[in-house]
Amino acid sequence: ALNNTAETVLRAVAGIFLAIHGSQKITDPFGATEMVEGLGFYPGAFWSPLLACTEFFGGILIAIGLLTRPAAFAGLIVLLVTVWFHWMSMGQGFSGAEKSLIWAAILLFFVIRGGNSQSVDARIGRAF
């Protein structure tokens, strides 16, 4: 029971933090247009709102454990891009990418594991 509780707390905290981070973008969904185009993602007017929704709504879904694996996978993709950005593009190496790597590892856990028995996925009988 303790393992399930610890896993649920990790999922909820990770999801809430991701949603809080995304809330800055969801209030201005086109605000990251220039940034994503600078990373080579065109058109930025498509990718910027997608990034905002992935972080904000994906974080909420992860927190409650609904569509846990797909939401965590989408967040993982975003984080892998940030790892590449800090490590390679900015030349910061591990020290620049460390935070993104930790978050990517947490989301990878939920991509593999899913939401657990204390999730909406489990309550509705679907293991996403």
N, C-alpha and C. Protein backbone atom coordinates (compact mmCIF):
# COMPACT_ATOMS: atom_id res chain seq x y z
N ALA A 1 0.82 -1.20 0.00
CA ALA A 1 0.00 0.00 0.00
C ALA A 1 0.86 1.26 0.00
N LEU A 2 2.00 1.20 0.72
CA LEU A 2 2.88 2.36 0.77
C LEU A 2 3.47 2.66 -0.60
N ASN A 3 3.84 1.61 -1.35
CA ASN A 3 4.38 1.82 -2.70
C ASN A 3 3.36 2.52 -3.59
N ASN A 4 2.10 2.07 -3.52
CA ASN A 4 1.04 2.70 -4.31
C ASN A 4 0.85 4.15 -3.91
N THR A 5 0.88 4.41 -2.61
CA THR A 5 0.70 5.78 -2.13
C THR A 5 1.85 6.66 -2.57
N ALA A 6 3.08 6.17 -2.43
CA ALA A 6 4.24 6.95 -2.85
C ALA A 6 4.20 7.23 -4.35
N GLU A 7 3.82 6.23 -5.12
CA GLU A 7 3.72 6.39 -6.57
C GLU A 7 2.63 7.40 -6.93
N THR A 8 1.52 7.35 -6.23
CA THR A 8 0.43 8.29 -6.47
C THR A 8 0.85 9.71 -6.13
N VAL A 9 1.56 9.88 -5.02
CA VAL A 9 2.04 11.21 -4.65
C VAL A 9 3.01 11.73 -5.71
N LEU A 10 3.92 10.88 -6.18
CA LEU A 10 4.86 11.30 -7.23
C LEU A 10 4.11 11.70 -8.49
N ARG A 11 3.12 10.92 -8.88
CA ARG A 11 2.33 11.23 -10.09
C ARG A 11 1.59 12.55 -9.92
N ALA A 12 0.96 12.74 -8.76
CA ALA A 12 0.19 13.97 -8.53
C ALA A 12 1.10 15.19 -8.50
N VAL A 13 2.21 15.10 -7.79
CA VAL A 13 3.13 16.23 -7.70
C VAL A 13 3.73 16.55 -9.06
N ALA A 14 4.18 15.54 -9.77
CA ALA A 14 4.76 15.76 -11.11
C ALA A 14 3.73 16.40 -12.03
N GLY A 15 2.51 15.89 -12.01
CA GLY A 15 1.47 16.45 -12.86
C GLY A 15 1.12 17.88 -12.49
N ILE A 16 1.02 18.16 -11.20
CA ILE A 16 0.71 19.52 -10.76
C ILE A 16 1.82 20.49 -11.16
N PHE A 17 3.07 20.08 -10.94
CA PHE A 17 4.19 20.95 -11.31
C PHE A 17 4.23 21.20 -12.81
N LEU A 18 3.96 20.15 -13.59
CA LEU A 18 3.94 20.31 -15.05
C LEU A 18 2.82 21.26 -15.46
N ALA A 19 1.65 21.13 -14.83
CA ALA A 19 0.52 22.01 -15.13
C ALA A 19 0.83 23.45 -14.73
N ILE A 20 1.46 23.64 -13.58
CA ILE A 20 1.83 24.99 -13.16
C ILE A 20 2.80 25.60 -14.17
N HIS A 21 3.78 24.82 -14.59
CA HIS A 21 4.74 25.30 -15.59
C HIS A 21 4.02 25.65 -16.89
N GLY A 22 3.07 24.82 -17.28
CA GLY A 22 2.31 25.06 -18.50
C GLY A 22 1.31 26.19 -18.39
N SER A 23 0.89 26.52 -17.16
CA SER A 23 -0.10 27.59 -16.99
C SER A 23 0.43 28.93 -17.48
N GLN A 24 1.72 29.12 -17.40
CA GLN A 24 2.33 30.35 -17.90
C GLN A 24 2.18 30.43 -19.42
N LYS A 25 2.18 29.28 -20.07
CA LYS A 25 2.06 29.25 -21.53
C LYS A 25 0.60 29.22 -21.98
N ILE A 26 -0.27 28.60 -21.20
CA ILE A 26 -1.66 28.45 -21.62
C ILE A 26 -2.37 29.80 -21.63
N THR A 27 -1.92 30.74 -20.80
CA THR A 27 -2.54 32.07 -20.79
C THR A 27 -2.11 32.90 -22.01
N ASP A 28 -1.02 32.49 -22.65
CA ASP A 28 -0.54 33.14 -23.88
C ASP A 28 -0.05 32.04 -24.82
N PRO A 29 -0.99 31.29 -25.42
CA PRO A 29 -0.59 30.09 -26.18
C PRO A 29 0.34 30.35 -27.36
N PHE A 30 0.38 31.57 -27.85
CA PHE A 30 1.28 31.87 -28.97
C PHE A 30 2.56 32.55 -28.49
N GLY A 31 2.72 32.67 -27.19
CA GLY A 31 3.87 33.36 -26.62
C GLY A 31 5.20 32.67 -26.87
N ALA A 32 5.18 31.37 -27.11
CA ALA A 32 6.43 30.63 -27.35
C ALA A 32 6.69 30.41 -28.83
N THR A 33 5.93 31.10 -29.70
CA THR A 33 6.06 30.91 -31.15
C THR A 33 7.50 31.12 -31.61
N GLU A 34 8.07 32.22 -31.22
CA GLU A 34 9.44 32.54 -31.65
C GLU A 34 10.44 31.52 -31.09
N MET A 35 10.24 31.11 -29.84
CA MET A 35 11.15 30.14 -29.23
C MET A 35 11.12 28.81 -29.97
N VAL A 36 9.92 28.29 -30.25
CA VAL A 36 9.85 26.98 -30.91
C VAL A 36 10.36 27.06 -32.35
N GLU A 37 10.15 28.18 -33.00
CA GLU A 37 10.72 28.33 -34.34
C GLU A 37 12.24 28.41 -34.27
N GLY A 38 12.76 29.01 -33.21
CA GLY A 38 14.20 29.05 -33.01
C GLY A 38 14.81 27.68 -32.82
N LEU A 39 13.98 26.73 -32.38
CA LEU A 39 14.42 25.34 -32.23
C LEU A 39 14.22 24.54 -33.51
N GLY A 40 13.62 25.19 -34.52
CA GLY A 40 13.41 24.51 -35.80
C GLY A 40 12.03 23.91 -35.98
N PHE A 41 11.10 24.24 -35.10
CA PHE A 41 9.74 23.71 -35.20
C PHE A 41 8.85 24.75 -35.87
N TYR A 42 8.53 24.49 -37.14
CA TYR A 42 7.70 25.40 -37.94
C TYR A 42 6.40 24.71 -38.30
N PRO A 43 5.29 25.41 -38.36
CA PRO A 43 5.13 26.81 -37.96
C PRO A 43 4.98 26.92 -36.45
N GLY A 44 5.60 27.94 -35.90
CA GLY A 44 5.54 28.16 -34.46
C GLY A 44 4.13 28.39 -33.96
N ALA A 45 3.26 28.93 -34.83
CA ALA A 45 1.87 29.18 -34.44
C ALA A 45 1.12 27.87 -34.20
N PHE A 46 1.63 26.76 -34.72
CA PHE A 46 1.06 25.43 -34.43
C PHE A 46 1.70 24.85 -33.17
N TRP A 47 3.04 24.88 -33.11
CA TRP A 47 3.77 24.21 -32.05
C TRP A 47 3.65 24.90 -30.70
N SER A 48 3.55 26.22 -30.67
CA SER A 48 3.48 26.94 -29.41
C SER A 48 2.22 26.58 -28.61
N PRO A 49 1.01 26.62 -29.22
CA PRO A 49 -0.17 26.20 -28.46
C PRO A 49 -0.14 24.71 -28.09
N LEU A 50 0.45 23.89 -28.97
CA LEU A 50 0.56 22.46 -28.67
C LEU A 50 1.45 22.25 -27.44
N LEU A 51 2.54 22.98 -27.37
CA LEU A 51 3.41 22.92 -26.20
C LEU A 51 2.66 23.35 -24.95
N ALA A 52 1.92 24.44 -25.04
CA ALA A 52 1.15 24.94 -23.89
C ALA A 52 0.14 23.90 -23.42
N CYS A 53 -0.59 23.31 -24.34
CA CYS A 53 -1.60 22.30 -23.99
C CYS A 53 -0.97 21.04 -23.43
N THR A 54 0.15 20.63 -24.02
CA THR A 54 0.84 19.43 -23.54
C THR A 54 1.25 19.60 -22.08
N GLU A 55 1.83 20.73 -21.77
CA GLU A 55 2.29 20.95 -20.40
C GLU A 55 1.13 21.17 -19.44
N PHE A 56 0.17 22.02 -19.80
CA PHE A 56 -0.91 22.35 -18.87
C PHE A 56 -1.91 21.21 -18.73
N PHE A 57 -2.56 20.84 -19.83
CA PHE A 57 -3.58 19.80 -19.75
C PHE A 57 -2.96 18.42 -19.51
N GLY A 58 -1.80 18.18 -20.11
CA GLY A 58 -1.10 16.92 -19.84
C GLY A 58 -0.75 16.78 -18.38
N GLY A 59 -0.32 17.88 -17.76
CA GLY A 59 -0.01 17.85 -16.34
C GLY A 59 -1.23 17.52 -15.49
N ILE A 60 -2.36 18.11 -15.84
CA ILE A 60 -3.60 17.81 -15.10
C ILE A 60 -3.97 16.34 -15.27
N LEU A 61 -3.88 15.83 -16.50
CA LEU A 61 -4.21 14.42 -16.75
C LEU A 61 -3.29 13.49 -15.97
N ILE A 62 -2.01 13.80 -15.95
CA ILE A 62 -1.06 12.98 -15.19
C ILE A 62 -1.40 13.04 -13.71
N ALA A 63 -1.68 14.22 -13.19
CA ALA A 63 -1.96 14.39 -11.76
C ALA A 63 -3.14 13.53 -11.32
N ILE A 64 -4.20 13.48 -12.12
CA ILE A 64 -5.37 12.69 -11.71
C ILE A 64 -5.30 11.25 -12.20
N GLY A 65 -4.34 10.97 -13.07
CA GLY A 65 -4.19 9.60 -13.55
C GLY A 65 -5.19 9.23 -14.63
N LEU A 66 -5.48 10.17 -15.51
CA LEU A 66 -6.38 9.90 -16.64
C LEU A 66 -5.57 10.00 -17.92
N LEU A 67 -5.65 8.96 -18.75
CA LEU A 67 -4.82 8.89 -19.96
C LEU A 67 -3.35 9.09 -19.59
N THR A 68 -2.96 8.44 -18.50
CA THR A 68 -1.65 8.68 -17.90
C THR A 68 -0.51 8.42 -18.87
N ARG A 69 -0.52 7.26 -19.52
CA ARG A 69 0.60 6.95 -20.42
C ARG A 69 0.70 7.91 -21.60
N PRO A 70 -0.39 8.18 -22.33
CA PRO A 70 -0.26 9.12 -23.45
C PRO A 70 0.15 10.53 -22.99
N ALA A 71 -0.39 10.99 -21.87
CA ALA A 71 -0.03 12.32 -21.38
C ALA A 71 1.43 12.36 -20.96
N ALA A 72 1.88 11.32 -20.28
CA ALA A 72 3.29 11.26 -19.86
C ALA A 72 4.20 11.15 -21.08
N PHE A 73 3.78 10.41 -22.10
CA PHE A 73 4.59 10.28 -23.32
C PHE A 73 4.74 11.63 -24.01
N ALA A 74 3.64 12.37 -24.11
CA ALA A 74 3.70 13.69 -24.75
C ALA A 74 4.63 14.62 -23.96
N GLY A 75 4.51 14.59 -22.64
CA GLY A 75 5.40 15.39 -21.80
C GLY A 75 6.85 14.96 -21.93
N LEU A 76 7.07 13.66 -22.06
CA LEU A 76 8.42 13.13 -22.23
C LEU A 76 9.06 13.66 -23.52
N ILE A 77 8.28 13.70 -24.59
CA ILE A 77 8.80 14.23 -25.86
C ILE A 77 9.23 15.69 -25.68
N VAL A 78 8.39 16.48 -25.02
CA VAL A 78 8.73 17.89 -24.76
C VAL A 78 10.04 17.97 -23.98
N LEU A 79 10.17 17.15 -22.95
CA LEU A 79 11.37 17.20 -22.12
C LEU A 79 12.61 16.73 -22.86
N LEU A 80 12.46 15.76 -23.74
CA LEU A 80 13.62 15.33 -24.52
C LEU A 80 14.10 16.44 -25.45
N VAL A 81 13.16 17.23 -25.96
CA VAL A 81 13.55 18.40 -26.76
C VAL A 81 14.31 19.40 -25.88
N THR A 82 13.85 19.61 -24.65
CA THR A 82 14.56 20.55 -23.77
C THR A 82 15.94 20.01 -23.38
N VAL A 83 16.05 18.69 -23.23
CA VAL A 83 17.37 18.11 -22.97
C VAL A 83 18.30 18.42 -24.14
N TRP A 84 17.83 18.15 -25.35
CA TRP A 84 18.63 18.42 -26.54
C TRP A 84 19.00 19.91 -26.60
N PHE A 85 18.02 20.77 -26.34
CA PHE A 85 18.24 22.21 -26.41
C PHE A 85 19.37 22.64 -25.46
N HIS A 86 19.26 22.23 -24.19
CA HIS A 86 20.26 22.66 -23.21
C HIS A 86 21.61 21.99 -23.45
N TRP A 87 21.59 20.70 -23.74
CA TRP A 87 22.83 19.94 -23.86
C TRP A 87 23.58 20.29 -25.14
N MET A 88 22.86 20.20 -26.26
CA MET A 88 23.52 20.35 -27.56
C MET A 88 23.46 21.78 -28.09
N SER A 89 22.26 22.31 -28.19
CA SER A 89 22.08 23.61 -28.83
C SER A 89 22.75 24.74 -28.02
N MET A 90 22.57 24.71 -26.71
CA MET A 90 23.15 25.75 -25.86
C MET A 90 24.56 25.38 -25.38
N GLY A 91 24.96 24.13 -25.60
CA GLY A 91 26.29 23.68 -25.21
C GLY A 91 26.50 23.62 -23.71
N GLN A 92 25.42 23.45 -22.95
CA GLN A 92 25.52 23.44 -21.49
C GLN A 92 25.84 22.06 -20.92
N GLY A 93 25.76 21.04 -21.76
CA GLY A 93 26.05 19.69 -21.30
C GLY A 93 25.08 19.22 -20.23
N PHE A 94 25.58 18.28 -19.42
CA PHE A 94 24.75 17.68 -18.39
C PHE A 94 24.22 18.72 -17.40
N SER A 95 25.06 19.65 -17.01
CA SER A 95 24.63 20.62 -15.99
C SER A 95 23.45 21.46 -16.47
N GLY A 96 23.37 21.75 -17.76
CA GLY A 96 22.25 22.51 -18.29
C GLY A 96 21.00 21.68 -18.48
N ALA A 97 21.20 20.38 -18.73
CA ALA A 97 20.07 19.50 -19.03
C ALA A 97 19.61 18.69 -17.83
N GLU A 98 20.30 18.81 -16.71
CA GLU A 98 20.05 17.96 -15.56
C GLU A 98 18.60 17.97 -15.09
N LYS A 99 18.02 19.15 -14.94
CA LYS A 99 16.63 19.24 -14.47
C LYS A 99 15.67 18.56 -15.45
N SER A 100 15.87 18.81 -16.73
CA SER A 100 15.01 18.18 -17.75
C SER A 100 15.19 16.67 -17.76
N LEU A 101 16.42 16.19 -17.52
CA LEU A 101 16.66 14.75 -17.47
C LEU A 101 15.93 14.10 -16.30
N ILE A 102 15.94 14.76 -15.16
CA ILE A 102 15.22 14.22 -13.99
C ILE A 102 13.72 14.15 -14.29
N TRP A 103 13.16 15.24 -14.85
CA TRP A 103 11.74 15.24 -15.18
C TRP A 103 11.43 14.21 -16.26
N ALA A 104 12.32 14.05 -17.22
CA ALA A 104 12.11 13.04 -18.27
C ALA A 104 12.08 11.65 -17.66
N ALA A 105 12.95 11.38 -16.70
CA ALA A 105 12.97 10.07 -16.05
C ALA A 105 11.67 9.81 -15.29
N ILE A 106 11.16 10.83 -14.63
CA ILE A 106 9.89 10.68 -13.90
C ILE A 106 8.76 10.37 -14.88
N LEU A 107 8.70 11.11 -15.98
CA LEU A 107 7.63 10.86 -16.95
C LEU A 107 7.81 9.53 -17.65
N LEU A 108 9.06 9.12 -17.90
CA LEU A 108 9.29 7.79 -18.49
C LEU A 108 8.74 6.70 -17.57
N PHE A 109 8.91 6.88 -16.27
CA PHE A 109 8.35 5.93 -15.31
C PHE A 109 6.84 5.77 -15.54
N PHE A 110 6.13 6.88 -15.70
CA PHE A 110 4.68 6.80 -15.88
C PHE A 110 4.28 6.35 -17.28
N VAL A 111 5.13 6.57 -18.27
CA VAL A 111 4.88 5.99 -19.60
C VAL A 111 4.90 4.47 -19.49
N ILE A 112 5.87 3.94 -18.75
CA ILE A 112 6.01 2.49 -18.60
C ILE A 112 4.96 1.94 -17.64
N ARG A 113 4.78 2.57 -16.51
CA ARG A 113 3.93 2.05 -15.43
C ARG A 113 2.45 2.35 -15.60
N GLY A 114 2.14 3.51 -16.14
CA GLY A 114 0.74 3.92 -16.17
C GLY A 114 0.38 4.58 -14.85
N GLY A 115 -0.91 4.69 -14.62
CA GLY A 115 -1.39 5.47 -13.48
C GLY A 115 -1.44 4.78 -12.14
N ASN A 116 -1.40 3.51 -12.06
CA ASN A 116 -1.52 2.63 -10.89
C ASN A 116 -2.98 2.49 -10.45
N SER A 117 -3.19 1.74 -9.37
CA SER A 117 -4.56 1.43 -8.94
C SER A 117 -5.29 2.64 -8.34
N GLN A 118 -4.56 3.68 -8.01
CA GLN A 118 -5.16 4.88 -7.44
C GLN A 118 -5.22 5.99 -8.49
N SER A 119 -5.78 5.66 -9.63
CA SER A 119 -5.88 6.63 -10.73
C SER A 119 -7.27 6.56 -11.34
N VAL A 120 -7.61 7.58 -12.08
CA VAL A 120 -8.88 7.57 -12.81
C VAL A 120 -8.86 6.44 -13.84
N ASP A 121 -7.71 6.22 -14.48
CA ASP A 121 -7.60 5.11 -15.44
C ASP A 121 -8.06 3.79 -14.81
N ALA A 122 -7.59 3.52 -13.59
CA ALA A 122 -7.96 2.28 -12.91
C ALA A 122 -9.44 2.27 -12.55
N ARG A 123 -9.96 3.41 -12.12
CA ARG A 123 -11.38 3.49 -11.73
C ARG A 123 -12.31 3.21 -12.89
N ILE A 124 -11.91 3.64 -14.10
CA ILE A 124 -12.77 3.40 -15.26
C ILE A 124 -12.43 2.09 -15.96
N GLY A 125 -11.45 1.38 -15.41
CA GLY A 125 -11.10 0.07 -15.94
C GLY A 125 -10.34 0.10 -17.25
N ARG A 126 -9.62 1.18 -17.51
CA ARG A 126 -8.83 1.30 -18.74
C ARG A 126 -7.38 1.59 -18.35
N ALA A 127 -6.48 0.80 -18.86
CA ALA A 127 -5.05 1.03 -18.58
C ALA A 127 -4.42 1.71 -19.78
N PHE A 128 -4.45 3.02 -19.77
CA PHE A 128 -3.85 3.78 -20.87
C PHE A 128 -2.38 3.94 -20.60
